Amino acid sequence: MYLLAGSRPTPVLAVPIANHDDNQHTADENLRLQNLWDAIEVYATILATFGNDRSAWTTAIR
């Protein structure tokens, strides 16, 4: 995350979507489809809330 945010004044937000047993980066990696659908809703809400309104970031950070 430092490489993305370390030298920039822009806030960075990471929202994990993986299930706890996803075997990330292995041959049998998996992701539950419901996690994907939920993540789409979460990211859409984040972008709709913070996308164009810089003052919303200041409020959320406090």
N, C-alpha and C. Protein backbone atom coordinates (compact mmCIF):
# COMPACT_ATOMS: atom_id res chain seq x y z
N MET A 1 0.82 -1.19 0.00
CA MET A 1 0.00 0.00 0.00
C MET A 1 0.86 1.25 0.00
N TYR A 2 2.05 1.16 0.60
CA TYR A 2 2.90 2.33 0.65
C TYR A 2 3.25 2.82 -0.75
N LEU A 3 3.48 1.89 -1.67
CA LEU A 3 3.83 2.28 -3.03
C LEU A 3 2.70 3.07 -3.69
N LEU A 4 1.47 2.77 -3.34
CA LEU A 4 0.33 3.50 -3.91
C LEU A 4 0.08 4.83 -3.22
N ALA A 5 0.25 4.86 -1.91
CA ALA A 5 -0.16 6.05 -1.16
C ALA A 5 0.98 6.83 -0.56
N GLY A 6 2.14 6.24 -0.45
CA GLY A 6 3.24 6.86 0.27
C GLY A 6 3.64 8.23 -0.22
N SER A 7 3.66 8.45 -1.51
CA SER A 7 4.15 9.73 -2.04
C SER A 7 3.03 10.59 -2.62
N ARG A 8 1.80 10.22 -2.37
CA ARG A 8 0.68 10.96 -2.94
C ARG A 8 -0.24 11.48 -1.83
N PRO A 9 -0.82 12.65 -2.03
CA PRO A 9 -1.72 13.20 -1.01
C PRO A 9 -3.14 12.63 -1.10
N THR A 10 -3.36 11.68 -2.00
CA THR A 10 -4.69 11.12 -2.20
C THR A 10 -4.92 9.95 -1.25
N PRO A 11 -6.07 9.89 -0.57
CA PRO A 11 -6.36 8.76 0.32
C PRO A 11 -6.48 7.45 -0.46
N VAL A 12 -6.06 6.37 0.16
CA VAL A 12 -6.17 5.04 -0.43
C VAL A 12 -6.99 4.19 0.52
N LEU A 13 -7.93 3.46 -0.04
CA LEU A 13 -8.80 2.60 0.77
C LEU A 13 -8.74 1.19 0.20
N ALA A 14 -8.44 0.21 1.02
CA ALA A 14 -8.40 -1.19 0.60
C ALA A 14 -9.53 -1.93 1.30
N VAL A 15 -10.33 -2.61 0.53
CA VAL A 15 -11.45 -3.37 1.07
C VAL A 15 -11.30 -4.82 0.62
N PRO A 16 -10.98 -5.73 1.53
CA PRO A 16 -10.81 -7.13 1.14
C PRO A 16 -12.14 -7.77 0.79
N ILE A 17 -12.12 -8.65 -0.21
CA ILE A 17 -13.35 -9.34 -0.61
C ILE A 17 -13.22 -10.85 -0.52
N ALA A 18 -12.04 -11.35 -0.23
CA ALA A 18 -11.80 -12.80 -0.25
C ALA A 18 -12.38 -13.48 0.98
N ASN A 19 -12.74 -14.74 0.81
CA ASN A 19 -13.15 -15.55 1.95
C ASN A 19 -11.90 -16.04 2.68
N HIS A 20 -12.05 -16.41 3.94
CA HIS A 20 -10.89 -16.76 4.77
C HIS A 20 -10.17 -18.02 4.28
N ASP A 21 -10.86 -18.87 3.56
CA ASP A 21 -10.26 -20.13 3.08
C ASP A 21 -10.10 -20.14 1.56
N ASP A 22 -9.71 -19.02 0.99
CA ASP A 22 -9.68 -18.90 -0.47
C ASP A 22 -8.43 -19.47 -1.14
N ASN A 23 -7.45 -19.92 -0.34
CA ASN A 23 -6.20 -20.47 -0.89
C ASN A 23 -5.57 -19.49 -1.87
N GLN A 24 -5.48 -18.26 -1.46
CA GLN A 24 -5.02 -17.18 -2.32
C GLN A 24 -3.65 -17.48 -2.93
N HIS A 25 -3.54 -17.28 -4.24
CA HIS A 25 -2.30 -17.44 -5.01
C HIS A 25 -1.79 -18.88 -5.02
N THR A 26 -2.68 -19.85 -4.94
CA THR A 26 -2.29 -21.26 -5.08
C THR A 26 -3.04 -21.85 -6.27
N ALA A 27 -2.74 -23.09 -6.59
CA ALA A 27 -3.35 -23.74 -7.75
C ALA A 27 -4.87 -23.88 -7.60
N ASP A 28 -5.35 -24.02 -6.37
CA ASP A 28 -6.79 -24.18 -6.15
C ASP A 28 -7.42 -22.93 -5.52
N GLU A 29 -6.95 -21.77 -5.95
CA GLU A 29 -7.49 -20.50 -5.47
C GLU A 29 -8.98 -20.42 -5.80
N ASN A 30 -9.75 -19.83 -4.90
CA ASN A 30 -11.19 -19.73 -5.13
C ASN A 30 -11.74 -18.47 -4.48
N LEU A 31 -12.92 -18.08 -4.92
CA LEU A 31 -13.62 -16.94 -4.35
C LEU A 31 -15.10 -17.25 -4.40
N ARG A 32 -15.77 -17.07 -3.28
CA ARG A 32 -17.22 -17.30 -3.25
C ARG A 32 -17.91 -16.21 -4.06
N LEU A 33 -18.83 -16.61 -4.90
CA LEU A 33 -19.52 -15.64 -5.76
C LEU A 33 -20.27 -14.60 -4.95
N GLN A 34 -20.83 -14.98 -3.82
CA GLN A 34 -21.54 -13.99 -3.00
C GLN A 34 -20.58 -12.91 -2.52
N ASN A 35 -19.33 -13.28 -2.23
CA ASN A 35 -18.33 -12.27 -1.85
C ASN A 35 -18.12 -11.28 -2.98
N LEU A 36 -18.09 -11.77 -4.20
CA LEU A 36 -17.91 -10.89 -5.36
C LEU A 36 -19.08 -9.93 -5.50
N TRP A 37 -20.30 -10.44 -5.41
CA TRP A 37 -21.49 -9.58 -5.54
C TRP A 37 -21.53 -8.55 -4.41
N ASP A 38 -21.20 -8.99 -3.19
CA ASP A 38 -21.17 -8.06 -2.06
C ASP A 38 -20.11 -6.98 -2.26
N ALA A 39 -18.96 -7.38 -2.78
CA ALA A 39 -17.88 -6.42 -3.02
C ALA A 39 -18.27 -5.39 -4.06
N ILE A 40 -18.99 -5.81 -5.08
CA ILE A 40 -19.44 -4.87 -6.11
C ILE A 40 -20.32 -3.80 -5.48
N GLU A 41 -21.21 -4.20 -4.59
CA GLU A 41 -22.08 -3.24 -3.91
C GLU A 41 -21.27 -2.31 -3.00
N VAL A 42 -20.31 -2.88 -2.28
CA VAL A 42 -19.50 -2.07 -1.36
C VAL A 42 -18.68 -1.05 -2.14
N TYR A 43 -18.01 -1.50 -3.20
CA TYR A 43 -17.20 -0.57 -3.99
C TYR A 43 -18.06 0.48 -4.68
N ALA A 44 -19.23 0.11 -5.14
CA ALA A 44 -20.13 1.09 -5.76
C ALA A 44 -20.54 2.16 -4.74
N THR A 45 -20.83 1.74 -3.52
CA THR A 45 -21.19 2.69 -2.47
C THR A 45 -20.02 3.62 -2.15
N ILE A 46 -18.83 3.04 -2.05
CA ILE A 46 -17.64 3.86 -1.75
C ILE A 46 -17.42 4.88 -2.85
N LEU A 47 -17.47 4.44 -4.10
CA LEU A 47 -17.24 5.36 -5.21
C LEU A 47 -18.33 6.42 -5.30
N ALA A 48 -19.58 6.03 -5.05
CA ALA A 48 -20.67 7.00 -5.10
C ALA A 48 -20.56 8.01 -3.97
N THR A 49 -20.08 7.57 -2.82
CA THR A 49 -19.97 8.47 -1.67
C THR A 49 -18.76 9.38 -1.76
N PHE A 50 -17.62 8.82 -2.15
CA PHE A 50 -16.38 9.57 -2.09
C PHE A 50 -15.83 9.97 -3.46
N GLY A 51 -16.46 9.52 -4.53
CA GLY A 51 -15.93 9.73 -5.86
C GLY A 51 -15.62 11.16 -6.23
N ASN A 52 -16.54 12.06 -6.07
CA ASN A 52 -16.35 13.44 -6.50
C ASN A 52 -16.36 14.45 -5.37
N ASP A 53 -16.65 14.01 -4.16
CA ASP A 53 -16.78 14.93 -3.04
C ASP A 53 -15.59 14.79 -2.10
N ARG A 54 -14.58 15.63 -2.26
CA ARG A 54 -13.37 15.55 -1.45
C ARG A 54 -13.67 15.81 0.03
N SER A 55 -14.70 16.57 0.33
CA SER A 55 -15.01 16.85 1.73
C SER A 55 -15.52 15.60 2.44
N ALA A 56 -16.08 14.64 1.71
CA ALA A 56 -16.56 13.40 2.32
C ALA A 56 -15.40 12.61 2.91
N TRP A 57 -14.22 12.68 2.28
CA TRP A 57 -13.04 11.98 2.81
C TRP A 57 -12.65 12.55 4.16
N THR A 58 -12.67 13.85 4.26
CA THR A 58 -12.28 14.49 5.51
C THR A 58 -13.23 14.08 6.63
N THR A 59 -14.51 14.01 6.33
CA THR A 59 -15.50 13.61 7.32
C THR A 59 -15.31 12.16 7.72
N ALA A 60 -15.05 11.28 6.74
CA ALA A 60 -14.91 9.85 7.02
C ALA A 60 -13.64 9.54 7.80
N ILE A 61 -12.60 10.30 7.60
CA ILE A 61 -11.32 10.04 8.26
C ILE A 61 -11.38 10.40 9.74
N ARG A 62 -12.19 11.36 10.10
CA ARG A 62 -12.26 11.82 11.49
C ARG A 62 -12.82 10.80 12.39
